[in-house]
Protein backbone atom coordinates (compact mmCIF):
# COMPACT_ATOMS: atom_id res chain seq x y z
CA MET A 1 -9.18 52.71 132.48
CA LYS A 2 -7.17 56.01 133.36
CA ALA A 3 -4.18 54.89 130.81
CA ALA A 4 -7.05 54.51 128.02
CA ALA A 5 -8.06 57.90 128.64
CA ILE A 6 -4.56 59.12 128.16
CA VAL A 7 -4.05 57.14 125.15
CA SER A 8 -7.09 58.55 123.71
CA LEU A 9 -6.50 62.03 124.59
CA LEU A 10 -2.99 61.34 123.07
CA MET A 11 -4.41 60.38 119.88
CA ILE A 12 -6.84 63.64 119.70
CA VAL A 13 -3.63 65.92 120.65
CA PHE A 14 -1.74 64.23 117.68
CA ALA A 15 -4.55 64.02 115.31
CA GLY A 16 -4.75 67.76 114.93
CA VAL A 17 -0.45 67.72 114.42
CA PRO A 18 0.15 67.30 110.30
CA THR A 19 2.55 64.64 109.92
CA ALA A 20 5.89 64.41 108.03
CA SER A 21 6.91 62.03 105.61
CA ALA A 22 9.09 59.35 107.15
CA GLU A 23 10.43 55.87 105.97
CA PHE A 24 10.17 53.07 107.95
CA TYR A 25 11.07 49.15 107.38
CA ARG A 26 9.26 46.18 107.73
CA TYR A 27 11.20 42.68 108.64
CA THR A 28 10.98 39.64 110.32
CA ASP A 29 13.28 38.73 113.08
CA ARG A 30 14.39 34.86 113.79
CA HIS A 31 11.41 33.98 116.18
CA GLY A 32 9.04 35.08 113.42
CA ASN A 33 7.72 38.16 114.95
CA VAL A 34 7.22 41.32 112.53
CA LEU A 35 9.30 44.27 113.77
CA TYR A 36 9.45 47.90 112.21
CA THR A 37 12.01 50.48 112.24
CA ASP A 38 12.86 53.81 110.94
CA ASP A 39 16.64 52.77 110.76
CA LEU A 40 17.65 50.82 108.38
CA SER A 41 20.74 50.06 110.36
CA LYS A 42 18.57 47.96 113.03
CA VAL A 43 17.62 45.45 110.45
CA PRO A 44 19.84 42.37 110.59
CA LYS A 45 22.41 42.53 107.55
CA GLU A 46 21.20 39.45 105.99
CA GLN A 47 17.36 40.62 105.73
CA ARG A 48 18.12 43.91 104.60
CA GLN A 49 17.42 43.04 100.94
CA LYS A 50 14.01 41.53 101.90
CA ALA A 51 13.11 44.38 104.58
CA GLN A 52 9.84 46.25 103.14
CA MET A 53 10.35 50.03 102.90
CA TYR A 54 6.93 51.99 103.78
CA GLU A 55 6.90 55.79 103.45
CA GLU A 56 4.66 57.50 105.65
CA SER A 57 2.36 59.93 103.76
CA SER A 58 1.67 63.38 104.97
CA SER A 59 -1.65 64.60 106.15
CA ALA A 60 -3.60 67.50 106.87
CA PRO A 61 -4.82 68.48 110.18
CA LEU A 62 -8.35 67.04 110.75
CA PRO A 63 -10.94 69.63 111.00
CA THR A 64 -12.41 70.73 114.34
CA ASN A 65 -15.71 71.69 115.47
CA GLU A 66 -17.24 72.49 118.96
CA ASN A 67 -17.78 69.04 119.54
CA THR A 68 -14.15 67.73 119.59
CA PRO A 69 -12.83 67.72 123.11
CA THR A 70 -9.98 70.66 124.10
CA PRO A 71 -6.83 68.58 124.58
CA PRO A 72 -5.21 68.62 127.68
CA ASP A 73 -1.72 70.33 128.35
CA ALA A 74 1.30 68.04 127.41
CA GLN A 75 2.54 68.43 130.80
CA ASP A 76 -0.32 66.64 131.89
CA LEU A 77 0.32 63.91 130.07
CA GLN A 78 4.13 63.55 130.30
CA PRO A 79 4.01 61.22 133.37
CA ALA A 80 1.69 58.76 131.61
CA VAL A 81 3.65 58.76 128.61
CA ASP A 82 6.68 58.48 130.45
CA ASP A 83 5.58 55.17 132.14
CA PHE A 84 4.54 53.76 129.02
CA GLU A 85 7.77 54.21 127.38
CA ASN A 86 9.33 53.05 130.39
CA GLU A 87 7.12 49.83 130.29
CA ARG A 88 7.89 49.74 126.53
CA LYS A 89 11.69 49.79 127.11
CA HIS A 90 11.45 47.32 129.77
CA LEU A 91 9.37 44.64 127.36
CA GLU A 92 12.29 45.31 125.02
CA GLN A 93 14.95 44.88 127.30
CA GLN A 94 13.44 41.27 128.45
CA GLU A 95 12.88 40.39 124.88
CA GLN A 96 16.79 40.85 124.05
CA ASN A 97 17.56 38.90 126.99
CA LEU A 98 15.54 36.15 125.93
CA ASN A 99 16.99 36.28 122.46
CA LYS A 100 20.39 35.87 123.93
CA GLU A 101 19.44 33.21 126.17
CA TYR A 102 17.94 31.53 122.68
CA ASP A 103 20.98 31.57 120.96
CA ALA A 104 23.02 30.27 123.99
CA LEU A 105 20.26 27.39 123.69
CA MET A 106 21.06 26.81 120.28
CA LYS A 107 24.81 27.17 120.76
CA ARG A 108 24.37 24.38 123.89
CA ARG A 109 22.22 22.09 121.39
CA SER A 110 25.01 22.02 118.58
CA GLU A 111 27.56 21.13 121.14
CA LEU A 112 25.04 18.42 122.43
CA ASP A 113 24.53 17.31 118.72
CA GLU A 114 28.61 17.07 118.32
CA GLU A 115 28.96 15.16 121.41
CA LYS A 116 26.42 12.70 120.47
CA ASN A 117 28.72 11.08 118.06
CA THR A 118 31.38 10.86 120.43
CA ALA A 119 29.53 8.95 123.02
CA LEU A 120 30.07 5.38 122.51
CA THR A 121 30.54 3.81 126.09
CA PRO A 122 27.72 3.05 127.99
CA ASP A 123 28.76 5.66 130.82
CA GLN A 124 29.33 8.24 128.03
CA ILE A 125 25.76 7.65 126.61
CA LYS A 126 24.63 7.88 130.01
CA GLY A 127 26.14 11.07 130.60
CA TYR A 128 24.88 12.33 127.35
CA ASN A 129 21.65 11.50 128.11
CA GLN A 130 21.57 13.04 131.38
CA LYS A 131 22.56 16.64 129.45
CA ILE A 132 19.89 16.00 127.25
CA ILE A 133 17.53 15.83 130.25
CA GLU A 134 19.18 19.33 131.69
CA PHE A 135 18.83 20.76 128.31
CA ASN A 136 15.32 20.25 127.76
CA ALA A 137 14.58 21.68 131.36
CA HIS A 138 16.28 24.69 130.21
CA ILE A 139 14.27 25.02 127.11
CA GLN A 140 10.89 24.48 128.97
CA ALA A 141 12.21 27.42 131.39
CA TYR A 142 12.77 29.24 128.35
CA ASP A 143 9.52 28.61 126.71
CA THR A 144 7.87 29.75 130.18
CA LYS A 145 9.67 32.60 130.04
CA ARG A 146 8.92 33.71 126.15
CA ASP A 147 5.14 32.86 126.90
CA ALA A 148 5.13 34.98 129.84
CA LEU A 149 6.53 37.96 128.03
CA THR A 150 4.14 37.69 125.04
CA GLU A 151 1.03 37.94 127.46
CA GLN A 152 2.90 40.74 128.78
CA VAL A 153 3.13 42.40 125.67
CA LYS A 154 -0.21 41.62 124.81
CA ALA A 155 -1.64 43.08 127.94
CA PHE A 156 0.85 46.35 127.17
CA ASN A 157 -1.06 46.53 123.83
CA GLU A 158 -4.59 46.30 125.22
CA ARG A 159 -3.64 49.15 127.27
CA LEU A 160 -2.41 51.17 124.44
CA LYS A 161 -6.07 50.47 122.44
CA PRO A 162 -8.19 53.19 122.77
CA LYS A 163 -11.44 52.16 124.81
CA PRO A 164 -14.75 53.03 122.72
């Protein structure tokens, strides 16, 4: 509730500030997530050609009247902004860790695919099957972590939405 009020106040504060023109890029990562950045170098090289560029247009300040609430001092909002920024950074770090884990799982999958062709004896096949069972357990654990992160991101985004 308090966070929604702070976000609403931030929106009011920033609504009266003219925006500058800026370029940003939209692309989709390997997990199908749509991402935005203002730095083309952050877009993976293989996607830079396909990345869509947008230009933010300038806008004039909104007219004010006596019904417009007086915005609080920026100092009053800073702790809440810092909390949201810290949480956002934490969520991004979790996503980066999950991406690294995904890459390691895909590497392990490739290794298992190669090993499948060399498992010829019953003991080798039994050992290979055990590795597949362990690999599947790792995939399930990864999926659980990915789902948990998705729910955390949804909850974070809900807290950012202004309440009517």
